[in-house]
Amino acid sequence: MKQEDIQDLQQLIEFLKEHGVAEFELEREDVKVRLKFAQPVAPVVAFTPSVAPVAAFPPVSAAASVTSPSPAAVPAPIAEENLHIIKSPIVGTFYGSPSPGAGMFVSPGERVEKGQVVCIVEAMKLMNEIESDAAGEIVKMLVTNGQAVEYGQPLFSVRTA
């Protein structure tokens, strides 16, 4: 592989991370690249050439391309006691209603039960219903409709007591 190919690969990795792509595979001639991002900060990079690798190819370091989120991107925790945070179990796009124009699954002030659907997170054209993992009153919706969410990102705060 040429140095510009390596730089292109690094740019591709950054682009995929920015857009929340969970998995990507590319095959060209004698090169096969498969990327799988299990968690936003720990991508797994696999490189499998189908012919003997070029001796001058420097190793690609996955850790070198990982950047930590800025402090401004991490929401501040809510200081109130007895609040439970419902977090996104996957990377995707948040939707608060079952379809465009339909009413929201839940709104602040409403009571939810454990196992009740509170939103949808779309990932790779699949609509994943996210259920509340605690019973209580929705205090605040921490994301907006159509917003990209990360794994573990807080979605709702729920007063449990």
N, C-alpha and C. Protein backbone atom coordinates (compact mmCIF):
# COMPACT_ATOMS: atom_id res chain seq x y z
N MET A 1 0.84 -1.19 0.00
CA MET A 1 0.00 0.00 0.00
C MET A 1 0.88 1.24 0.00
N LYS A 2 0.44 2.22 -0.71
CA LYS A 2 1.17 3.48 -0.78
C LYS A 2 0.79 4.36 0.42
N GLN A 3 1.63 5.33 0.70
CA GLN A 3 1.39 6.23 1.82
C GLN A 3 0.07 6.98 1.65
N GLU A 4 -0.27 7.40 0.43
CA GLU A 4 -1.55 8.11 0.21
C GLU A 4 -2.74 7.19 0.44
N ASP A 5 -2.57 5.88 0.18
CA ASP A 5 -3.64 4.92 0.47
C ASP A 5 -3.87 4.81 1.97
N ILE A 6 -2.80 4.82 2.72
CA ILE A 6 -2.90 4.76 4.18
C ILE A 6 -3.59 6.02 4.70
N GLN A 7 -3.23 7.18 4.15
CA GLN A 7 -3.87 8.43 4.56
C GLN A 7 -5.36 8.40 4.20
N ASP A 8 -5.70 7.87 3.03
CA ASP A 8 -7.11 7.74 2.64
C ASP A 8 -7.86 6.84 3.61
N LEU A 9 -7.23 5.76 4.02
CA LEU A 9 -7.85 4.84 4.98
C LEU A 9 -8.09 5.53 6.32
N GLN A 10 -7.12 6.31 6.76
CA GLN A 10 -7.28 7.04 8.02
C GLN A 10 -8.41 8.07 7.92
N GLN A 11 -8.52 8.75 6.79
CA GLN A 11 -9.62 9.70 6.58
C GLN A 11 -10.96 8.98 6.56
N LEU A 12 -11.00 7.80 5.95
CA LEU A 12 -12.22 7.01 5.90
C LEU A 12 -12.65 6.61 7.32
N ILE A 13 -11.71 6.19 8.13
CA ILE A 13 -12.02 5.81 9.52
C ILE A 13 -12.61 6.99 10.27
N GLU A 14 -12.00 8.16 10.14
CA GLU A 14 -12.53 9.36 10.81
C GLU A 14 -13.94 9.69 10.32
N PHE A 15 -14.17 9.60 9.01
CA PHE A 15 -15.49 9.88 8.44
C PHE A 15 -16.54 8.92 8.99
N LEU A 16 -16.21 7.63 9.04
CA LEU A 16 -17.15 6.63 9.55
C LEU A 16 -17.47 6.87 11.03
N LYS A 17 -16.46 7.23 11.82
CA LYS A 17 -16.69 7.51 13.24
C LYS A 17 -17.57 8.73 13.41
N GLU A 18 -17.33 9.80 12.63
CA GLU A 18 -18.12 11.02 12.73
C GLU A 18 -19.59 10.77 12.42
N HIS A 19 -19.87 9.86 11.50
CA HIS A 19 -21.24 9.61 11.07
C HIS A 19 -21.87 8.40 11.76
N GLY A 20 -21.21 7.87 12.77
CA GLY A 20 -21.78 6.81 13.58
C GLY A 20 -21.98 5.48 12.88
N VAL A 21 -21.17 5.20 11.87
CA VAL A 21 -21.28 3.92 11.17
C VAL A 21 -20.71 2.84 12.07
N ALA A 22 -21.46 1.77 12.29
CA ALA A 22 -21.04 0.72 13.20
C ALA A 22 -20.11 -0.30 12.55
N GLU A 23 -20.31 -0.56 11.25
CA GLU A 23 -19.52 -1.58 10.57
C GLU A 23 -19.34 -1.20 9.11
N PHE A 24 -18.16 -1.49 8.55
CA PHE A 24 -17.85 -1.13 7.17
C PHE A 24 -16.87 -2.14 6.61
N GLU A 25 -17.07 -2.54 5.35
CA GLU A 25 -16.16 -3.47 4.69
C GLU A 25 -15.87 -2.98 3.28
N LEU A 26 -14.61 -3.07 2.86
CA LEU A 26 -14.19 -2.62 1.54
C LEU A 26 -13.21 -3.63 0.97
N GLU A 27 -13.41 -4.02 -0.30
CA GLU A 27 -12.48 -4.91 -0.99
C GLU A 27 -12.07 -4.26 -2.29
N ARG A 28 -10.77 -4.15 -2.51
CA ARG A 28 -10.22 -3.63 -3.75
C ARG A 28 -8.99 -4.45 -4.11
N GLU A 29 -9.02 -5.01 -5.28
CA GLU A 29 -7.91 -5.80 -5.80
C GLU A 29 -7.32 -6.73 -4.74
N ASP A 30 -6.13 -6.42 -4.21
CA ASP A 30 -5.48 -7.30 -3.26
C ASP A 30 -5.62 -6.83 -1.80
N VAL A 31 -6.53 -5.91 -1.55
CA VAL A 31 -6.68 -5.36 -0.19
C VAL A 31 -8.12 -5.53 0.27
N LYS A 32 -8.27 -5.99 1.49
CA LYS A 32 -9.60 -6.11 2.10
C LYS A 32 -9.52 -5.42 3.46
N VAL A 33 -10.45 -4.47 3.70
CA VAL A 33 -10.47 -3.74 4.96
C VAL A 33 -11.85 -3.92 5.58
N ARG A 34 -11.88 -4.30 6.85
CA ARG A 34 -13.14 -4.44 7.58
C ARG A 34 -13.02 -3.67 8.88
N LEU A 35 -13.95 -2.73 9.10
CA LEU A 35 -13.95 -1.93 10.32
C LEU A 35 -15.22 -2.22 11.09
N LYS A 36 -15.10 -2.39 12.39
CA LYS A 36 -16.27 -2.60 13.23
C LYS A 36 -16.08 -1.78 14.50
N PHE A 37 -17.01 -0.85 14.74
CA PHE A 37 -16.94 0.02 15.90
C PHE A 37 -17.93 -0.48 16.93
N ALA A 38 -17.48 -1.27 17.89
CA ALA A 38 -18.36 -1.82 18.92
C ALA A 38 -18.77 -0.73 19.91
N GLN A 39 -17.85 0.14 20.27
CA GLN A 39 -18.11 1.27 21.14
C GLN A 39 -17.46 2.48 20.50
N PRO A 40 -18.03 3.70 20.74
CA PRO A 40 -17.51 4.88 20.08
C PRO A 40 -16.02 5.12 20.28
N VAL A 41 -15.44 4.71 21.42
CA VAL A 41 -14.05 5.01 21.67
C VAL A 41 -13.12 3.82 21.48
N ALA A 42 -13.66 2.65 21.04
CA ALA A 42 -12.80 1.49 20.89
C ALA A 42 -13.07 0.77 19.57
N PRO A 43 -12.67 1.40 18.44
CA PRO A 43 -12.90 0.72 17.17
C PRO A 43 -11.99 -0.48 16.99
N VAL A 44 -12.49 -1.49 16.30
CA VAL A 44 -11.70 -2.67 15.96
C VAL A 44 -11.38 -2.56 14.48
N VAL A 45 -10.09 -2.59 14.16
CA VAL A 45 -9.68 -2.46 12.77
C VAL A 45 -9.00 -3.76 12.36
N ALA A 46 -9.51 -4.37 11.30
CA ALA A 46 -8.92 -5.60 10.80
C ALA A 46 -8.45 -5.37 9.36
N PHE A 47 -7.23 -5.76 9.05
CA PHE A 47 -6.66 -5.60 7.73
C PHE A 47 -6.20 -6.96 7.26
N THR A 48 -6.76 -7.44 6.15
CA THR A 48 -6.43 -8.76 5.64
C THR A 48 -6.09 -8.67 4.17
N PRO A 49 -4.79 -8.64 3.80
CA PRO A 49 -4.46 -8.64 2.38
C PRO A 49 -4.63 -10.05 1.80
N SER A 50 -5.07 -10.13 0.52
CA SER A 50 -5.21 -11.44 -0.09
C SER A 50 -3.92 -11.91 -0.77
N VAL A 51 -2.90 -11.03 -0.84
CA VAL A 51 -1.58 -11.41 -1.33
C VAL A 51 -0.57 -10.99 -0.27
N ALA A 52 0.67 -11.33 -0.49
CA ALA A 52 1.70 -10.99 0.49
C ALA A 52 1.74 -9.48 0.73
N PRO A 53 1.79 -9.04 1.99
CA PRO A 53 1.82 -7.60 2.27
C PRO A 53 3.13 -6.96 1.82
N VAL A 54 3.06 -5.69 1.51
CA VAL A 54 4.23 -4.92 1.10
C VAL A 54 5.09 -4.68 2.34
N ALA A 55 6.38 -4.92 2.23
CA ALA A 55 7.27 -4.81 3.38
C ALA A 55 7.33 -3.40 3.95
N ALA A 56 7.14 -2.37 3.13
CA ALA A 56 7.25 -0.99 3.60
C ALA A 56 5.96 -0.49 4.24
N PHE A 57 4.92 -1.33 4.34
CA PHE A 57 3.64 -0.90 4.91
C PHE A 57 3.77 -0.74 6.42
N PRO A 58 3.58 0.49 6.93
CA PRO A 58 3.66 0.68 8.38
C PRO A 58 2.38 0.18 9.03
N PRO A 59 2.46 -0.33 10.28
CA PRO A 59 1.25 -0.82 10.94
C PRO A 59 0.28 0.32 11.22
N VAL A 60 -1.01 0.04 11.04
CA VAL A 60 -2.04 1.04 11.31
C VAL A 60 -2.42 0.91 12.78
N SER A 61 -2.33 1.99 13.50
CA SER A 61 -2.66 2.00 14.92
C SER A 61 -4.07 2.52 15.12
N ALA A 62 -4.99 1.66 15.57
CA ALA A 62 -6.38 2.08 15.83
C ALA A 62 -6.42 3.10 16.96
N ALA A 63 -5.54 2.93 17.95
CA ALA A 63 -5.56 3.84 19.09
C ALA A 63 -5.18 5.26 18.70
N ALA A 64 -4.34 5.40 17.69
CA ALA A 64 -3.91 6.72 17.28
C ALA A 64 -5.03 7.53 16.65
N SER A 65 -6.02 6.84 16.06
CA SER A 65 -7.09 7.56 15.39
C SER A 65 -8.29 7.82 16.29
N VAL A 66 -8.24 7.37 17.53
CA VAL A 66 -9.36 7.56 18.45
C VAL A 66 -9.21 8.90 19.16
N THR A 67 -10.28 9.68 19.15
CA THR A 67 -10.27 10.93 19.89
C THR A 67 -11.35 10.88 20.94
N SER A 68 -11.08 11.45 22.09
CA SER A 68 -12.09 11.45 23.15
C SER A 68 -13.04 12.62 22.93
N PRO A 69 -14.31 12.45 23.34
CA PRO A 69 -15.27 13.53 23.14
C PRO A 69 -14.90 14.76 23.96
N SER A 70 -15.22 15.93 23.43
CA SER A 70 -14.92 17.15 24.15
C SER A 70 -15.83 17.26 25.36
N PRO A 71 -15.40 17.93 26.44
CA PRO A 71 -16.23 18.06 27.62
C PRO A 71 -17.58 18.72 27.31
N ALA A 72 -17.64 19.59 26.31
CA ALA A 72 -18.89 20.27 25.98
C ALA A 72 -19.90 19.29 25.37
N ALA A 73 -19.43 18.19 24.77
CA ALA A 73 -20.34 17.23 24.13
C ALA A 73 -21.00 16.29 25.13
N VAL A 74 -20.43 16.17 26.34
CA VAL A 74 -20.98 15.29 27.35
C VAL A 74 -21.98 16.07 28.19
N PRO A 75 -23.26 15.61 28.24
CA PRO A 75 -24.24 16.35 29.02
C PRO A 75 -23.92 16.32 30.51
N ALA A 76 -24.21 17.43 31.17
CA ALA A 76 -23.98 17.54 32.60
C ALA A 76 -24.99 16.67 33.34
N PRO A 77 -24.56 15.94 34.38
CA PRO A 77 -25.49 15.11 35.12
C PRO A 77 -26.50 15.97 35.88
N ILE A 78 -27.70 15.44 36.04
CA ILE A 78 -28.74 16.17 36.78
C ILE A 78 -28.51 15.88 38.25
N ALA A 79 -28.46 16.91 39.07
CA ALA A 79 -28.08 16.80 40.47
C ALA A 79 -29.20 16.32 41.38
N GLU A 80 -30.43 16.26 40.91
CA GLU A 80 -31.56 15.88 41.73
C GLU A 80 -31.47 14.42 42.14
N GLU A 81 -31.86 14.13 43.40
CA GLU A 81 -31.83 12.76 43.89
C GLU A 81 -32.96 11.94 43.28
N ASN A 82 -32.86 10.63 43.38
CA ASN A 82 -33.86 9.68 42.90
C ASN A 82 -34.12 9.79 41.40
N LEU A 83 -33.15 10.24 40.63
CA LEU A 83 -33.32 10.28 39.18
C LEU A 83 -32.57 9.10 38.57
N HIS A 84 -33.26 8.43 37.68
CA HIS A 84 -32.67 7.32 36.92
C HIS A 84 -32.50 7.81 35.49
N ILE A 85 -31.40 7.49 34.86
CA ILE A 85 -31.14 7.91 33.48
C ILE A 85 -31.36 6.72 32.55
N ILE A 86 -32.23 6.89 31.57
CA ILE A 86 -32.41 5.88 30.52
C ILE A 86 -31.39 6.22 29.44
N LYS A 87 -30.52 5.26 29.12
CA LYS A 87 -29.44 5.49 28.17
C LYS A 87 -29.67 4.72 26.88
N SER A 88 -29.08 5.21 25.81
CA SER A 88 -29.20 4.53 24.52
C SER A 88 -28.33 3.27 24.53
N PRO A 89 -28.91 2.13 24.18
CA PRO A 89 -28.12 0.90 24.13
C PRO A 89 -27.36 0.72 22.82
N ILE A 90 -27.60 1.65 21.85
CA ILE A 90 -26.97 1.53 20.53
C ILE A 90 -26.68 2.91 19.96
N VAL A 91 -25.89 2.94 18.92
CA VAL A 91 -25.61 4.16 18.15
C VAL A 91 -26.68 4.27 17.08
N GLY A 92 -27.23 5.45 16.88
CA GLY A 92 -28.25 5.62 15.84
C GLY A 92 -28.88 6.99 15.88
N THR A 93 -30.11 7.08 15.36
CA THR A 93 -30.86 8.33 15.31
C THR A 93 -32.07 8.20 16.22
N PHE A 94 -32.26 9.18 17.12
CA PHE A 94 -33.34 9.17 18.10
C PHE A 94 -34.64 9.67 17.49
N TYR A 95 -35.73 8.95 17.75
CA TYR A 95 -37.07 9.39 17.37
C TYR A 95 -37.99 9.21 18.57
N GLY A 96 -38.69 10.27 18.94
CA GLY A 96 -39.58 10.25 20.10
C GLY A 96 -40.98 9.78 19.79
N SER A 97 -41.31 9.55 18.52
CA SER A 97 -42.66 9.10 18.15
C SER A 97 -42.54 7.91 17.20
N PRO A 98 -43.62 7.11 17.09
CA PRO A 98 -43.55 5.92 16.25
C PRO A 98 -43.51 6.22 14.75
N SER A 99 -43.99 7.41 14.34
CA SER A 99 -43.94 7.80 12.93
C SER A 99 -44.05 9.32 12.84
N PRO A 100 -43.62 9.91 11.72
CA PRO A 100 -43.73 11.36 11.58
C PRO A 100 -45.19 11.80 11.72
N GLY A 101 -45.42 12.82 12.51
CA GLY A 101 -46.77 13.35 12.72
C GLY A 101 -47.52 12.67 13.85
N ALA A 102 -47.04 11.54 14.33
CA ALA A 102 -47.69 10.83 15.44
C ALA A 102 -47.27 11.46 16.76
N GLY A 103 -48.03 11.20 17.81
CA GLY A 103 -47.71 11.71 19.14
C GLY A 103 -46.46 11.07 19.71
N MET A 104 -45.86 11.75 20.65
CA MET A 104 -44.64 11.25 21.30
C MET A 104 -44.97 10.01 22.14
N PHE A 105 -43.99 9.11 22.27
CA PHE A 105 -44.16 7.95 23.13
C PHE A 105 -44.37 8.41 24.56
N VAL A 106 -43.50 9.32 25.04
CA VAL A 106 -43.60 9.87 26.39
C VAL A 106 -43.20 11.34 26.36
N SER A 107 -43.69 12.07 27.34
CA SER A 107 -43.35 13.49 27.48
C SER A 107 -43.02 13.76 28.94
N PRO A 108 -42.26 14.82 29.22
CA PRO A 108 -41.98 15.17 30.61
C PRO A 108 -43.28 15.34 31.41
N GLY A 109 -43.25 14.77 32.62
CA GLY A 109 -44.43 14.82 33.49
C GLY A 109 -45.26 13.55 33.43
N GLU A 110 -45.07 12.74 32.39
CA GLU A 110 -45.82 11.48 32.26
C GLU A 110 -45.17 10.38 33.07
N ARG A 111 -45.99 9.45 33.52
CA ARG A 111 -45.52 8.29 34.26
C ARG A 111 -45.22 7.16 33.27
N VAL A 112 -44.11 6.46 33.49
CA VAL A 112 -43.74 5.30 32.67
C VAL A 112 -43.57 4.09 33.56
N GLU A 113 -43.81 2.94 32.98
CA GLU A 113 -43.61 1.68 33.67
C GLU A 113 -42.36 1.00 33.10
N LYS A 114 -41.75 0.14 33.90
CA LYS A 114 -40.59 -0.61 33.43
C LYS A 114 -41.02 -1.46 32.24
N GLY A 115 -40.29 -1.41 31.15
CA GLY A 115 -40.60 -2.17 29.94
C GLY A 115 -41.44 -1.40 28.93
N GLN A 116 -41.91 -0.19 29.29
CA GLN A 116 -42.71 0.63 28.38
C GLN A 116 -41.80 1.27 27.33
N VAL A 117 -42.23 1.26 26.08
CA VAL A 117 -41.44 1.88 24.99
C VAL A 117 -41.44 3.39 25.20
N VAL A 118 -40.24 3.99 25.20
CA VAL A 118 -40.12 5.44 25.41
C VAL A 118 -39.64 6.16 24.14
N CYS A 119 -39.03 5.42 23.20
CA CYS A 119 -38.54 6.04 21.97
C CYS A 119 -38.09 4.96 21.00
N ILE A 120 -37.62 5.40 19.85
CA ILE A 120 -37.03 4.51 18.85
C ILE A 120 -35.64 5.06 18.52
N VAL A 121 -34.68 4.16 18.38
CA VAL A 121 -33.36 4.54 17.87
C VAL A 121 -33.16 3.75 16.58
N GLU A 122 -33.06 4.50 15.48
CA GLU A 122 -32.85 3.88 14.17
C GLU A 122 -31.37 3.64 13.97
N ALA A 123 -31.03 2.41 13.62
CA ALA A 123 -29.64 2.05 13.34
C ALA A 123 -29.63 1.19 12.08
N MET A 124 -28.98 1.68 11.04
CA MET A 124 -28.84 0.96 9.78
C MET A 124 -30.21 0.53 9.24
N LYS A 125 -31.13 1.49 9.20
CA LYS A 125 -32.49 1.31 8.66
C LYS A 125 -33.37 0.37 9.49
N LEU A 126 -32.92 -0.01 10.68
CA LEU A 126 -33.72 -0.82 11.58
C LEU A 126 -34.23 0.06 12.71
N MET A 127 -35.54 -0.01 12.98
CA MET A 127 -36.14 0.78 14.05
C MET A 127 -36.13 -0.05 15.33
N ASN A 128 -35.34 0.39 16.32
CA ASN A 128 -35.19 -0.34 17.58
C ASN A 128 -35.97 0.37 18.67
N GLU A 129 -36.99 -0.30 19.22
CA GLU A 129 -37.77 0.28 20.30
C GLU A 129 -36.94 0.23 21.58
N ILE A 130 -36.84 1.38 22.24
CA ILE A 130 -36.09 1.47 23.48
C ILE A 130 -37.11 1.51 24.62
N GLU A 131 -36.95 0.60 25.58
CA GLU A 131 -37.88 0.49 26.69
C GLU A 131 -37.28 1.11 27.94
N SER A 132 -38.17 1.62 28.80
CA SER A 132 -37.73 2.15 30.08
C SER A 132 -37.25 1.00 30.95
N ASP A 133 -36.12 1.19 31.61
CA ASP A 133 -35.62 0.16 32.51
C ASP A 133 -35.93 0.48 33.97
N ALA A 134 -36.84 1.47 34.18
CA ALA A 134 -37.28 1.83 35.53
C ALA A 134 -38.66 2.46 35.45
N ALA A 135 -39.45 2.27 36.50
CA ALA A 135 -40.76 2.90 36.58
C ALA A 135 -40.61 4.25 37.26
N GLY A 136 -41.40 5.23 36.82
CA GLY A 136 -41.36 6.54 37.44
C GLY A 136 -41.93 7.61 36.53
N GLU A 137 -41.59 8.86 36.84
CA GLU A 137 -42.08 10.01 36.08
C GLU A 137 -40.97 10.57 35.21
N ILE A 138 -41.25 10.78 33.93
CA ILE A 138 -40.27 11.39 33.03
C ILE A 138 -40.06 12.83 33.50
N VAL A 139 -38.83 13.17 33.85
CA VAL A 139 -38.50 14.52 34.29
C VAL A 139 -38.06 15.36 33.10
N LYS A 140 -37.18 14.78 32.27
CA LYS A 140 -36.63 15.55 31.15
C LYS A 140 -36.25 14.63 30.01
N MET A 141 -36.50 15.10 28.78
CA MET A 141 -36.03 14.43 27.58
C MET A 141 -34.68 15.09 27.26
N LEU A 142 -33.62 14.32 27.23
CA LEU A 142 -32.26 14.86 27.13
C LEU A 142 -31.73 14.96 25.71
N VAL A 143 -32.52 14.50 24.71
CA VAL A 143 -32.14 14.59 23.31
C VAL A 143 -33.33 15.11 22.51
N THR A 144 -33.08 15.53 21.28
CA THR A 144 -34.16 16.04 20.43
C THR A 144 -34.47 15.05 19.31
N ASN A 145 -35.66 15.17 18.78
CA ASN A 145 -36.11 14.28 17.71
C ASN A 145 -35.18 14.41 16.49
N GLY A 146 -34.73 13.29 15.96
CA GLY A 146 -33.85 13.28 14.80
C GLY A 146 -32.37 13.43 15.13
N GLN A 147 -32.04 13.53 16.41
CA GLN A 147 -30.65 13.72 16.82
C GLN A 147 -29.89 12.39 16.79
N ALA A 148 -28.64 12.43 16.36
CA ALA A 148 -27.77 11.25 16.40
C ALA A 148 -27.38 11.01 17.85
N VAL A 149 -27.47 9.75 18.29
CA VAL A 149 -27.10 9.40 19.65
C VAL A 149 -26.01 8.34 19.64
N GLU A 150 -25.22 8.32 20.66
CA GLU A 150 -24.12 7.38 20.82
C GLU A 150 -24.50 6.28 21.80
N TYR A 151 -23.73 5.22 21.83
CA TYR A 151 -23.92 4.15 22.80
C TYR A 151 -23.74 4.72 24.21
N GLY A 152 -24.69 4.47 25.09
CA GLY A 152 -24.60 4.92 26.47
C GLY A 152 -25.00 6.37 26.70
N GLN A 153 -25.41 7.07 25.66
CA GLN A 153 -25.80 8.48 25.81
C GLN A 153 -27.13 8.57 26.55
N PRO A 154 -27.23 9.47 27.54
CA PRO A 154 -28.49 9.65 28.27
C PRO A 154 -29.60 10.16 27.34
N LEU A 155 -30.79 9.53 27.45
CA LEU A 155 -31.94 9.91 26.63
C LEU A 155 -33.02 10.60 27.47
N PHE A 156 -33.31 10.04 28.64
CA PHE A 156 -34.36 10.57 29.52
C PHE A 156 -33.89 10.50 30.97
N SER A 157 -34.38 11.43 31.78
CA SER A 157 -34.22 11.30 33.23
C SER A 157 -35.58 10.97 33.80
N VAL A 158 -35.61 10.00 34.74
CA VAL A 158 -36.85 9.50 35.32
C VAL A 158 -36.75 9.60 36.83
N ARG A 159 -37.77 10.22 37.47
CA ARG A 159 -37.83 10.29 38.93
C ARG A 159 -38.47 8.97 39.38
N THR A 160 -37.70 8.18 40.11
CA THR A 160 -38.16 6.83 40.49
C THR A 160 -38.88 6.79 41.82
N ALA A 161 -38.72 7.74 42.67
CA ALA A 161 -39.35 7.70 44.01
C ALA A 161 -40.57 8.59 44.06
